[in-house]
Amino acid sequence: MSSGKMAIVGDGDYIMVFKAVGVSAFPAENETKARDTIRKIARDYQIIFLTEELARPLAEFLKRFDEQPYPLILSVPSKNGSTGHGTELLRNAMERALGVDILFNS
């Protein structure tokens, strides 16, 4: 695995913005394609961004990556805006790692 390699999996048009800043872009029009893509690229990338629209239905599948240091899979808002799913995942991960909610304090 190369140091610092990043990828995004999501809607074909939206993810091209990430490609412009050096992030490898992998279009996925549905959760099946996204799951297959993540399986293929997981060993080659340290950080994988996944649009919220695909992250939500793949929540159970993504749990298998929680116990591994890499890849770190982060949910990002899609072209339709944020649903709050990414924030909730971050909150849960922080609580699991630290035992307290230091980011949102609620």
Protein backbone atom coordinates (compact mmCIF):
# COMPACT_ATOMS: atom_id res chain seq x y z
CA MET A 1 0.00 0.00 0.00
CA SER A 2 1.39 3.37 -0.97
CA SER A 3 1.51 5.99 1.74
CA GLY A 4 -1.39 8.42 1.73
CA LYS A 5 -3.30 7.07 -1.26
CA MET A 6 -6.90 8.25 -1.30
CA ALA A 7 -9.93 7.23 -3.33
CA ILE A 8 -13.59 8.17 -3.59
CA VAL A 9 -16.46 5.89 -4.52
CA GLY A 10 -19.75 7.50 -5.52
CA ASP A 11 -21.77 9.21 -8.20
CA GLY A 12 -19.79 9.54 -11.43
CA ASP A 13 -20.27 13.26 -11.98
CA TYR A 14 -19.89 14.42 -8.39
CA ILE A 15 -16.72 12.51 -7.62
CA MET A 16 -14.78 14.09 -10.47
CA VAL A 17 -14.28 17.14 -8.23
CA PHE A 18 -12.15 14.92 -5.97
CA LYS A 19 -10.18 13.67 -8.95
CA ALA A 20 -9.14 17.24 -9.67
CA VAL A 21 -7.21 17.32 -6.38
CA GLY A 22 -5.46 13.99 -6.83
CA VAL A 23 -7.97 11.57 -5.31
CA SER A 24 -8.58 8.43 -7.39
CA ALA A 25 -12.24 8.38 -8.45
CA PHE A 26 -14.33 5.22 -8.82
CA PRO A 27 -17.88 5.74 -10.12
CA ALA A 28 -20.59 3.59 -8.55
CA GLU A 29 -24.23 4.10 -9.42
CA ASN A 30 -25.57 1.78 -6.69
CA GLU A 31 -24.55 0.03 -3.47
CA THR A 32 -23.74 -3.27 -5.21
CA LYS A 33 -21.21 -1.57 -7.47
CA ALA A 34 -19.83 0.41 -4.51
CA ARG A 35 -19.38 -2.76 -2.41
CA ASP A 36 -17.58 -4.52 -5.27
CA THR A 37 -15.34 -1.51 -5.87
CA ILE A 38 -14.41 -1.16 -2.19
CA ARG A 39 -13.50 -4.86 -2.04
CA LYS A 40 -11.20 -4.41 -5.05
CA ILE A 41 -9.44 -1.24 -3.88
CA ALA A 42 -9.32 -1.72 -0.08
CA ARG A 43 -5.73 -3.05 -0.08
CA ASP A 44 -4.40 -0.23 -2.25
CA TYR A 45 -5.80 2.86 -0.51
CA GLN A 46 -5.40 4.19 3.03
CA ILE A 47 -8.44 6.47 2.87
CA ILE A 48 -11.61 5.78 0.91
CA PHE A 49 -14.31 8.42 0.77
CA LEU A 50 -17.81 7.07 0.14
CA THR A 51 -20.84 9.23 -0.59
CA GLU A 52 -23.53 9.15 2.09
CA GLU A 53 -26.13 7.79 -0.33
CA LEU A 54 -24.02 4.64 -0.71
CA ALA A 55 -22.62 4.50 2.83
CA ARG A 56 -26.01 4.23 4.50
CA PRO A 57 -27.14 1.00 2.77
CA LEU A 58 -23.62 -0.45 3.13
CA ALA A 59 -23.37 0.18 6.89
CA GLU A 60 -23.20 -3.53 7.82
CA PHE A 61 -20.63 -4.27 5.11
CA LEU A 62 -18.47 -1.32 6.20
CA LYS A 63 -18.30 -2.53 9.82
CA ARG A 64 -15.70 -5.13 8.77
CA PHE A 65 -13.23 -2.29 8.22
CA ASP A 66 -13.71 -0.82 11.72
CA GLU A 67 -11.18 -3.17 13.34
CA GLN A 68 -8.46 -2.60 10.74
CA PRO A 69 -6.12 0.40 10.64
CA TYR A 70 -6.58 0.77 6.86
CA PRO A 71 -8.44 1.60 4.83
CA LEU A 72 -10.21 4.31 6.73
CA ILE A 73 -13.61 4.68 5.06
CA LEU A 74 -15.18 8.10 5.48
CA SER A 75 -18.68 9.09 4.46
CA VAL A 76 -18.95 12.40 2.60
CA PRO A 77 -22.02 14.32 1.47
CA SER A 78 -23.24 13.50 -2.01
CA LYS A 79 -24.23 15.91 -4.75
CA ASN A 80 -27.61 16.13 -3.02
CA GLY A 81 -26.08 17.47 0.20
CA SER A 82 -25.58 15.97 3.63
CA THR A 83 -28.05 13.63 5.30
CA GLY A 84 -26.13 13.69 8.59
CA HIS A 85 -25.06 10.07 8.14
CA GLY A 86 -21.35 10.93 7.93
CA THR A 87 -21.53 13.00 11.11
CA GLU A 88 -23.28 10.16 12.93
CA LEU A 89 -20.60 7.69 11.81
CA LEU A 90 -17.86 10.02 13.03
CA ARG A 91 -19.59 10.44 16.38
CA ASN A 92 -19.95 6.68 16.81
CA ALA A 93 -16.31 6.05 15.86
CA MET A 94 -15.06 8.67 18.34
CA GLU A 95 -17.21 7.28 21.14
CA ARG A 96 -16.00 3.76 20.38
CA ALA A 97 -12.34 4.84 20.32
CA LEU A 98 -12.37 7.22 23.29
CA GLY A 99 -15.38 6.18 25.32
CA VAL A 100 -16.82 9.71 25.25
CA ASP A 101 -18.32 12.10 22.74
CA ILE A 102 -15.63 14.82 22.61
CA LEU A 103 -16.64 16.30 19.26
CA PHE A 104 -20.31 16.94 19.71
CA ASN A 105 -20.69 16.94 23.50
CA SER A 106 -24.38 16.14 23.49
